[in-house]
């Protein structure tokens, strides 16, 4: 008992230390209880919304939508429901291919989607349709190749507002004022940001 009295006397010699210790002891149960949550993660698969279980690319746009690129199509998730965008033969407003390799949003909130073999798509958010850019061998102002690599930073935007797209056969600069292409060919090793995984 005398040890406890001596300890209390020592604590009162340092009132700030004592006050801090008492407040910490009093608030500890409250702060621990406040950290409990009922749901940490939701697991999604093909049974509850995913178009397929393997996702190639994930992108969150400026509106907060989660975009999922798979080899079975593109999906938009709003936190509650999935919206699927898949290739529809004969429909020029559908996405050009189901194998999605990369997704990028430019400064004007345009969404660019690269595909494995069928070019580059620009998504119109208001009309929910796509405009496709493809390689045309007879047009030097077209996309350099229809195959957009599976990687990050394949599509980017520079400080002047030009969108840059890397393909399996060259680099493309897109002017957003008229969507014209300028092509660059050659060995750009060490000169480009290309984050292959």
Protein backbone atom coordinates (compact mmCIF):
# COMPACT_ATOMS: atom_id res chain seq x y z
CA UNK A 1 0.00 0.00 0.00
CA UNK A 2 2.81 2.40 0.80
CA UNK A 3 4.30 1.75 -2.67
CA UNK A 4 1.05 2.95 -4.28
CA UNK A 5 1.01 6.13 -2.16
CA UNK A 6 4.64 6.88 -3.08
CA UNK A 7 3.82 6.34 -6.79
CA UNK A 8 0.80 8.71 -6.61
CA UNK A 9 2.95 11.37 -4.91
CA UNK A 10 5.56 11.05 -7.70
CA UNK A 11 2.86 11.47 -10.39
CA UNK A 12 1.55 14.64 -8.76
CA UNK A 13 5.05 16.12 -8.84
CA UNK A 14 4.68 16.22 -12.64
CA UNK A 15 1.09 17.38 -13.23
CA UNK A 16 1.28 17.45 -17.09
CA UNK A 17 2.57 13.90 -17.16
CA UNK A 18 -0.15 12.79 -14.79
CA UNK A 19 -2.89 14.58 -16.72
CA UNK A 20 -1.68 13.10 -20.04
CA UNK A 21 -1.57 9.61 -18.54
CA UNK A 22 -5.08 9.93 -17.05
CA UNK A 23 -6.59 11.31 -20.30
CA UNK A 24 -4.94 8.58 -22.35
CA UNK A 25 -6.27 5.89 -20.02
CA UNK A 26 -9.75 7.43 -20.04
CA UNK A 27 -9.98 7.88 -23.84
CA UNK A 28 -8.29 4.66 -24.93
CA UNK A 29 -11.43 2.50 -24.85
CA UNK A 30 -13.38 5.14 -26.83
CA UNK A 31 -10.75 5.42 -29.59
CA UNK A 32 -10.43 1.65 -29.91
CA UNK A 33 -14.20 1.29 -30.17
CA UNK A 34 -14.39 4.07 -32.82
CA UNK A 35 -12.08 2.14 -35.17
CA UNK A 36 -14.40 -0.82 -35.63
CA UNK A 37 -16.18 -1.10 -38.98
CA UNK A 38 -18.60 -3.67 -40.27
CA UNK A 39 -17.29 -3.93 -43.88
CA UNK A 40 -13.72 -3.56 -45.02
CA UNK A 41 -13.92 -5.03 -48.53
CA UNK A 42 -16.46 -6.21 -51.03
CA UNK A 43 -15.39 -9.14 -53.17
CA UNK A 44 -16.64 -9.06 -56.77
CA UNK A 45 -16.48 -11.87 -59.30
CA UNK A 46 -18.47 -13.10 -62.29
CA UNK A 47 -21.32 -14.22 -60.01
CA UNK A 48 -21.98 -10.69 -58.76
CA UNK A 49 -21.05 -8.29 -61.54
CA UNK A 50 -17.60 -8.69 -63.05
CA UNK A 51 -17.57 -9.49 -66.75
CA UNK A 52 -14.69 -11.88 -65.96
CA UNK A 53 -12.49 -12.62 -62.96
CA UNK A 54 -9.22 -11.52 -64.60
CA UNK A 55 -8.80 -7.75 -64.82
CA UNK A 56 -6.03 -6.35 -67.06
CA UNK A 57 -6.25 -2.69 -66.07
CA UNK A 58 -7.95 -0.59 -63.37
CA UNK A 59 -8.46 3.16 -63.66
CA UNK A 60 -10.38 5.67 -61.50
CA UNK A 61 -11.57 8.72 -63.44
CA UNK A 62 -12.13 12.28 -62.20
CA UNK A 63 -15.82 11.57 -61.57
CA UNK A 64 -14.95 8.66 -59.28
CA UNK A 65 -15.98 5.84 -61.61
CA UNK A 66 -13.80 2.74 -61.53
CA UNK A 67 -13.00 1.47 -65.03
CA UNK A 68 -11.95 -2.16 -65.46
CA UNK A 69 -10.25 -3.37 -68.61
CA UNK A 70 -10.47 -7.10 -69.27
CA UNK A 71 -10.02 -9.31 -72.31
CA UNK A 72 -13.81 -9.71 -72.39
CA UNK A 73 -14.62 -5.98 -72.52
CA UNK A 74 -14.62 -2.72 -70.57
CA UNK A 75 -16.60 -2.17 -67.36
CA UNK A 76 -17.54 0.96 -65.42
CA UNK A 77 -18.32 0.56 -61.72
CA UNK A 78 -20.08 3.36 -59.80
CA UNK A 79 -19.78 1.70 -56.39
CA UNK A 80 -23.13 -0.07 -56.76
CA UNK A 81 -23.54 -1.37 -60.29
CA UNK A 82 -21.42 -2.45 -63.24
CA UNK A 83 -21.97 -1.13 -66.78
CA UNK A 84 -20.49 -3.29 -69.56
CA UNK A 85 -19.06 -2.03 -72.86
CA UNK A 86 -18.27 -4.80 -75.32
CA UNK A 87 -17.49 -5.05 -79.01
CA UNK A 88 -20.62 -5.32 -81.15
CA UNK A 89 -19.89 -6.37 -84.77
CA UNK A 90 -21.53 -3.98 -87.21
CA UNK A 91 -21.92 -1.19 -84.62
CA UNK A 92 -19.32 1.54 -85.31
CA UNK A 93 -20.19 3.25 -81.99
CA UNK A 94 -19.21 0.24 -79.87
CA UNK A 95 -15.74 -0.30 -78.50
CA UNK A 96 -13.47 -1.74 -81.21
CA UNK A 97 -12.19 -4.79 -79.31
CA UNK A 98 -12.92 -6.65 -76.08
CA UNK A 99 -9.25 -7.06 -75.10
CA UNK A 100 -8.56 -3.82 -73.19
CA UNK A 101 -4.88 -3.09 -72.58
CA UNK A 102 -4.83 0.40 -71.04
CA UNK A 103 -7.09 3.27 -69.94
CA UNK A 104 -6.22 6.98 -69.64
CA UNK A 105 -8.15 10.19 -68.95
CA UNK A 106 -6.82 13.44 -70.39
CA UNK A 107 -7.13 16.96 -68.92
CA UNK A 108 -10.45 17.49 -70.75
CA UNK A 109 -11.89 14.35 -69.10
CA UNK A 110 -11.75 12.40 -72.37
CA UNK A 111 -11.35 8.69 -71.69
CA UNK A 112 -8.89 6.86 -73.99
CA UNK A 113 -8.96 3.06 -74.18
CA UNK A 114 -6.22 1.02 -75.83
CA UNK A 115 -6.94 -2.42 -77.25
CA UNK A 116 -4.79 -5.43 -78.04
CA UNK A 117 -5.40 -5.54 -81.80
CA UNK A 118 -8.07 -3.04 -82.87
CA UNK A 119 -6.72 0.43 -82.22
CA UNK A 120 -7.48 3.25 -79.85
CA UNK A 121 -10.94 4.25 -78.60
CA UNK A 122 -12.18 7.62 -77.38
CA UNK A 123 -15.21 7.31 -75.09
CA UNK A 124 -17.95 9.95 -75.29
CA UNK A 125 -19.28 10.08 -71.72
CA UNK A 126 -22.51 11.94 -72.57
CA UNK A 127 -23.58 9.68 -75.42
CA UNK A 128 -21.90 6.57 -73.97
CA UNK A 129 -20.35 5.57 -77.28
CA UNK A 130 -16.89 5.22 -78.78
CA UNK A 131 -14.93 6.75 -81.62
CA UNK A 132 -12.20 4.41 -82.88
CA UNK A 133 -8.82 5.43 -84.29
CA UNK A 134 -7.08 2.74 -86.36
CA UNK A 135 -3.98 2.37 -88.46
CA UNK A 136 -4.56 3.07 -92.13
CA UNK A 137 -1.55 2.00 -94.27
CA UNK A 138 -2.49 4.60 -96.91
CA UNK A 139 -2.67 7.48 -94.42
CA UNK A 140 0.53 8.68 -92.71
CA UNK A 141 -1.64 10.76 -90.33
CA UNK A 142 -3.32 7.72 -88.79
CA UNK A 143 -2.43 5.60 -85.76
CA UNK A 144 0.97 3.91 -86.31
CA UNK A 145 -0.31 0.45 -85.32
CA UNK A 146 -3.55 -1.11 -84.06
CA UNK A 147 -1.86 -2.89 -81.15
CA UNK A 148 -1.61 -0.79 -77.98
CA UNK A 149 0.75 -2.44 -75.43
CA UNK A 150 -0.41 -3.80 -72.07
CA UNK A 151 1.27 -1.37 -69.69
CA UNK A 152 0.93 1.83 -67.69
CA UNK A 153 1.93 5.18 -69.18
CA UNK A 154 1.33 3.93 -72.74
CA UNK A 155 -1.02 6.89 -73.13
CA UNK A 156 -0.10 10.21 -71.53
CA UNK A 157 -0.56 13.94 -71.96
CA UNK A 158 2.15 16.59 -72.12
CA UNK A 159 2.14 20.16 -70.78
CA UNK A 160 1.02 21.54 -74.15
CA UNK A 161 -2.13 19.38 -74.12
CA UNK A 162 -1.05 16.82 -76.71
CA UNK A 163 -1.98 13.19 -76.00
CA UNK A 164 0.82 10.70 -76.71
CA UNK A 165 0.07 7.06 -77.52
CA UNK A 166 2.66 4.32 -77.83
CA UNK A 167 1.88 1.37 -80.11
CA UNK A 168 3.76 -1.79 -81.09
CA UNK A 169 5.12 0.12 -84.11
CA UNK A 170 5.68 3.77 -83.28
CA UNK A 171 4.69 6.73 -81.19
CA UNK A 172 1.70 8.99 -81.91
CA UNK A 173 1.01 12.59 -80.92
CA UNK A 174 -2.66 13.56 -80.99
CA UNK A 175 -3.76 17.18 -81.24
CA UNK A 176 -7.04 17.40 -79.28
CA UNK A 177 -8.23 20.47 -81.21
CA UNK A 178 -8.84 18.39 -84.35
CA UNK A 179 -7.80 14.85 -83.31
CA UNK A 180 -5.03 14.81 -85.90
CA UNK A 181 -2.14 12.36 -85.54
CA UNK A 182 1.57 12.91 -85.96
CA UNK A 183 3.67 9.74 -86.08
CA UNK A 184 7.19 9.06 -84.85
CA UNK A 185 9.15 5.95 -85.74
CA UNK A 186 12.56 4.76 -84.62
CA UNK A 187 14.41 3.58 -81.55
CA UNK A 188 13.29 5.67 -78.60
CA UNK A 189 15.09 3.55 -75.99
CA UNK A 190 15.76 5.56 -72.86
CA UNK A 191 13.83 8.58 -74.13
CA UNK A 192 10.27 7.59 -73.26
CA UNK A 193 8.46 6.80 -70.04
CA UNK A 194 7.23 3.27 -70.63
CA UNK A 195 6.22 1.30 -67.58
CA UNK A 196 5.91 -2.27 -68.83
CA UNK A 197 4.90 -4.96 -66.36
